[in-house]
């Protein structure tokens, strides 16, 4: 499986120091509120624990995390709807857009308008999805305390022994790909081995990537950024290489 995207890597790096931190926290807060519907104790709710890891990696204050968990009992949280849209972008790239919204009649037109203004268009359900697979993706940052050394080989062996499908070394750490059903098991094995997991979540990974350059690449990245900046969008997946 391919699925590696330079845009995804850049987005992850930007998330930690994002100038639009308030918008980022709103997105993660919605994810926490949705995950907390299945239980507010992260020790008993692995889905919630994974989103909390993501929040902490983005330097989201504990008070914000606690407020988002508390929203699970609120009507506002109960009204949040998870929707998935499919789209095409410049150069024919495929895009999958996950949203959490309290009003899909508002969100869908906003997504459609953002696509249209930036050279993309909505796609029929299923016309893009078949190009992707739902996978677990774990990211381990190579940032360690002063005087310590990041052990990439240990991370790789631990992940593979736990059942990971693939491990990719990147400039800022290691990306571990698992079967969707094995995500929580592999995450737990890494934590038990003393490895700091920065994030663990389900993603749509492309079976094959589309390589663009020049103007098409710039347009595609501009579109993906515009979608990702939308308040109701919680995740964007693409087959852009």
Protein backbone atom coordinates (compact mmCIF):
# COMPACT_ATOMS: atom_id res chain seq x y z
CA UNK A 1 0.00 0.00 0.00
CA UNK A 2 1.15 3.49 -0.77
CA UNK A 3 -0.72 6.29 1.00
CA UNK A 4 2.27 8.38 2.04
CA UNK A 5 1.58 12.05 1.43
CA UNK A 6 4.03 14.94 1.77
CA UNK A 7 1.02 17.17 2.43
CA UNK A 8 -0.05 14.94 5.35
CA UNK A 9 3.48 15.11 6.80
CA UNK A 10 3.62 18.88 6.45
CA UNK A 11 0.18 19.21 8.04
CA UNK A 12 1.29 17.12 11.03
CA UNK A 13 4.39 19.24 11.53
CA UNK A 14 2.39 22.46 11.30
CA UNK A 15 -0.22 21.24 13.79
CA UNK A 16 2.16 21.52 16.73
CA UNK A 17 2.91 25.20 16.09
CA UNK A 18 -0.21 26.15 14.16
CA UNK A 19 -0.97 29.87 14.33
CA UNK A 20 -4.64 28.92 14.06
CA UNK A 21 -4.39 27.03 17.34
CA UNK A 22 -7.93 27.95 18.39
CA UNK A 23 -9.40 26.33 15.29
CA UNK A 24 -7.19 23.27 15.77
CA UNK A 25 -8.35 22.90 19.37
CA UNK A 26 -11.98 23.20 18.27
CA UNK A 27 -11.52 20.32 15.81
CA UNK A 28 -9.80 18.10 18.37
CA UNK A 29 -12.39 19.08 20.99
CA UNK A 30 -15.17 17.82 18.73
CA UNK A 31 -13.30 14.54 18.25
CA UNK A 32 -12.89 14.18 22.01
CA UNK A 33 -16.59 14.90 22.62
CA UNK A 34 -17.60 12.25 20.07
CA UNK A 35 -15.18 9.65 21.43
CA UNK A 36 -16.33 10.35 25.02
CA UNK A 37 -19.87 9.26 24.15
CA UNK A 38 -18.60 5.69 24.62
CA UNK A 39 -17.22 6.50 28.08
CA UNK A 40 -15.43 9.40 29.71
CA UNK A 41 -12.62 7.34 31.28
CA UNK A 42 -9.72 7.05 28.80
CA UNK A 43 -8.45 3.98 30.66
CA UNK A 44 -11.67 2.18 29.68
CA UNK A 45 -12.18 3.91 26.32
CA UNK A 46 -9.17 3.47 23.99
CA UNK A 47 -10.75 5.67 21.32
CA UNK A 48 -10.86 8.54 23.78
CA UNK A 49 -7.31 7.82 24.93
CA UNK A 50 -6.07 8.07 21.34
CA UNK A 51 -7.71 11.46 20.75
CA UNK A 52 -6.34 12.75 24.06
CA UNK A 53 -2.84 11.76 22.89
CA UNK A 54 -3.43 13.77 19.73
CA UNK A 55 -4.60 16.73 21.81
CA UNK A 56 -1.54 16.64 24.06
CA UNK A 57 0.80 16.41 21.07
CA UNK A 58 -0.85 19.60 19.76
CA UNK A 59 -0.20 21.21 23.18
CA UNK A 60 -3.91 21.48 23.93
CA UNK A 61 -4.30 22.58 27.60
CA UNK A 62 -5.66 20.00 30.04
CA UNK A 63 -8.55 22.33 30.88
CA UNK A 64 -9.66 22.27 27.24
CA UNK A 65 -9.42 18.48 27.16
CA UNK A 66 -11.48 18.16 30.33
CA UNK A 67 -14.15 20.53 29.00
CA UNK A 68 -14.36 18.54 25.76
CA UNK A 69 -14.83 15.28 27.71
CA UNK A 70 -17.51 16.91 29.86
CA UNK A 71 -19.40 17.83 26.68
CA UNK A 72 -20.24 14.14 26.23
CA UNK A 73 -23.17 14.69 28.57
CA UNK A 74 -24.28 17.86 26.79
CA UNK A 75 -27.01 18.00 24.19
CA UNK A 76 -24.59 19.93 21.96
CA UNK A 77 -22.32 16.90 21.84
CA UNK A 78 -25.21 14.52 21.24
CA UNK A 79 -26.24 16.66 18.28
CA UNK A 80 -22.85 16.31 16.58
CA UNK A 81 -23.12 14.20 13.41
CA UNK A 82 -20.18 12.48 11.74
CA UNK A 83 -20.27 12.68 7.94
CA UNK A 84 -17.84 11.62 5.20
CA UNK A 85 -17.69 13.33 1.81
CA UNK A 86 -15.77 12.31 -1.31
CA UNK A 87 -14.26 14.77 -3.77
CA UNK A 88 -11.85 15.32 -6.63
CA UNK A 89 -9.18 18.00 -6.70
CA UNK A 90 -6.78 19.54 -9.24
CA UNK A 91 -4.94 16.96 -11.33
CA UNK A 92 -7.63 14.39 -10.54
CA UNK A 93 -6.51 13.70 -6.97
CA UNK A 94 -9.02 11.90 -4.75
CA UNK A 95 -10.04 13.46 -1.43
CA UNK A 96 -11.98 12.04 1.53
CA UNK A 97 -13.31 14.61 3.98
CA UNK A 98 -14.48 13.70 7.49
CA UNK A 99 -16.61 16.22 9.36
CA UNK A 100 -18.31 16.56 12.73
CA UNK A 101 -21.25 18.94 12.52
CA UNK A 102 -24.43 19.92 14.31
CA UNK A 103 -25.96 20.99 10.98
CA UNK A 104 -25.08 19.01 7.86
CA UNK A 105 -27.36 21.26 5.81
CA UNK A 106 -24.87 24.04 6.56
CA UNK A 107 -21.67 21.99 6.34
CA UNK A 108 -22.17 20.23 3.01
CA UNK A 109 -22.76 23.46 1.03
CA UNK A 110 -19.73 25.01 2.74
CA UNK A 111 -17.55 22.06 1.74
CA UNK A 112 -18.95 22.13 -1.80
CA UNK A 113 -18.29 25.88 -2.09
CA UNK A 114 -14.71 25.52 -0.81
CA UNK A 115 -14.07 22.79 -3.36
CA UNK A 116 -15.56 24.79 -6.23
CA UNK A 117 -13.60 27.96 -5.36
CA UNK A 118 -10.33 26.01 -5.31
CA UNK A 119 -10.58 23.84 -8.40
CA UNK A 120 -12.25 20.79 -6.87
CA UNK A 121 -15.67 19.19 -6.96
CA UNK A 122 -17.84 16.85 -4.92
CA UNK A 123 -17.85 13.22 -6.06
CA UNK A 124 -20.56 10.57 -5.98
CA UNK A 125 -20.43 8.27 -2.91
CA UNK A 126 -18.08 5.37 -3.54
CA UNK A 127 -16.38 6.88 -6.59
CA UNK A 128 -13.31 7.90 -4.56
CA UNK A 129 -13.54 5.65 -1.51
CA UNK A 130 -12.59 2.48 -3.40
CA UNK A 131 -9.13 3.95 -3.97
CA UNK A 132 -8.45 3.95 -0.21
CA UNK A 133 -8.35 1.53 2.70
CA UNK A 134 -9.21 2.24 6.32
CA UNK A 135 -6.05 1.70 8.34
CA UNK A 136 -4.66 2.43 11.77
CA UNK A 137 -1.85 4.99 11.73
CA UNK A 138 0.42 5.53 14.73
CA UNK A 139 3.03 8.26 14.85
CA UNK A 140 6.04 8.11 17.16
CA UNK A 141 7.99 11.37 17.34
CA UNK A 142 11.78 11.19 17.38
CA UNK A 143 11.93 14.09 19.84
CA UNK A 144 13.51 12.82 23.09
CA UNK A 145 14.81 14.37 26.28
CA UNK A 146 18.27 15.91 26.24
CA UNK A 147 20.94 13.24 26.64
CA UNK A 148 18.71 10.46 25.31
CA UNK A 149 18.81 8.85 21.86
CA UNK A 150 15.88 7.87 19.69
CA UNK A 151 16.01 4.11 18.99
CA UNK A 152 14.35 3.68 15.60
CA UNK A 153 15.24 -0.02 15.39
CA UNK A 154 13.56 -0.74 18.73
CA UNK A 155 10.41 1.11 17.66
CA UNK A 156 10.30 -0.79 14.37
CA UNK A 157 10.82 -4.23 15.95
CA UNK A 158 8.28 -3.56 18.69
CA UNK A 159 5.68 -2.41 16.17
CA UNK A 160 6.22 -5.34 13.80
CA UNK A 161 6.22 -7.87 16.63
CA UNK A 162 2.91 -6.39 17.80
CA UNK A 163 1.36 -6.98 14.38
CA UNK A 164 1.98 -3.74 12.48
CA UNK A 165 1.80 -4.01 8.68
CA UNK A 166 4.38 -1.37 7.83
CA UNK A 167 6.78 1.07 9.49
CA UNK A 168 8.09 4.16 7.69
CA UNK A 169 10.92 6.31 9.01
CA UNK A 170 10.36 10.02 8.42
CA UNK A 171 12.29 13.18 9.20
CA UNK A 172 10.38 13.85 12.43
CA UNK A 173 9.73 10.30 13.62
CA UNK A 174 8.17 7.02 12.55
CA UNK A 175 4.79 6.25 11.02
CA UNK A 176 3.37 2.82 11.82
CA UNK A 177 0.54 1.38 9.73
CA UNK A 178 -1.75 -1.33 11.12
CA UNK A 179 -4.91 -3.13 10.15
CA UNK A 180 -7.82 -1.06 11.46
CA UNK A 181 -8.73 -3.80 13.94
CA UNK A 182 -5.15 -3.95 15.30
CA UNK A 183 -4.64 -0.24 15.96
CA UNK A 184 -5.38 -0.30 19.68
CA UNK A 185 -3.40 -3.52 20.25
CA UNK A 186 -0.25 -2.20 18.53
CA UNK A 187 -0.58 1.17 20.30
CA UNK A 188 -0.77 -0.58 23.69
CA UNK A 189 2.30 -2.74 22.95
CA UNK A 190 4.31 0.36 22.06
CA UNK A 191 3.27 2.11 25.26
CA UNK A 192 4.11 -0.99 27.33
CA UNK A 193 7.59 -0.94 25.77
CA UNK A 194 8.07 2.62 27.01
CA UNK A 195 7.66 4.23 23.59
CA UNK A 196 5.99 7.64 23.55
CA UNK A 197 3.08 7.55 21.11
CA UNK A 198 2.33 11.01 19.69
CA UNK A 199 -0.88 9.99 17.92
CA UNK A 200 -2.87 6.92 16.98
CA UNK A 201 -5.93 7.16 14.77
CA UNK A 202 -7.87 5.57 11.94
CA UNK A 203 -7.17 7.07 8.53
CA UNK A 204 -7.99 6.45 4.89
CA UNK A 205 -4.75 5.53 3.13
CA UNK A 206 -4.51 5.53 -0.65
CA UNK A 207 -3.76 2.30 -2.49
CA UNK A 208 -1.77 4.34 -5.01
CA UNK A 209 -0.68 7.96 -4.99
CA UNK A 210 -1.01 10.62 -7.67
CA UNK A 211 2.12 12.70 -8.29
CA UNK A 212 1.63 16.33 -9.28
CA UNK A 213 4.05 19.17 -9.91
CA UNK A 214 4.07 22.83 -10.85
CA UNK A 215 0.77 24.65 -10.90
CA UNK A 216 -1.38 21.55 -10.30
CA UNK A 217 0.57 20.74 -7.12
CA UNK A 218 0.21 24.28 -5.80
CA UNK A 219 -3.52 24.28 -6.54
CA UNK A 220 -4.00 20.88 -4.91
CA UNK A 221 -2.16 21.90 -1.73
CA UNK A 222 -4.11 25.17 -1.58
CA UNK A 223 -7.38 23.25 -1.86
CA UNK A 224 -6.39 20.70 0.81
CA UNK A 225 -5.35 23.51 3.16
CA UNK A 226 -8.64 25.34 2.55
CA UNK A 227 -10.67 22.22 3.37
CA UNK A 228 -8.56 21.43 6.42
CA UNK A 229 -9.08 24.98 7.73
CA UNK A 230 -12.87 24.56 7.81
CA UNK A 231 -14.28 24.50 11.33
CA UNK A 232 -16.40 21.37 10.88
CA UNK A 233 -13.70 19.32 9.14
CA UNK A 234 -11.87 16.94 11.47
CA UNK A 235 -9.78 15.00 8.94
CA UNK A 236 -8.76 15.21 5.28
CA UNK A 237 -7.27 12.26 3.37
CA UNK A 238 -5.83 12.35 -0.13
CA UNK A 239 -3.97 10.23 -2.65
CA UNK A 240 -1.71 13.16 -3.51
CA UNK A 241 1.85 11.81 -3.32
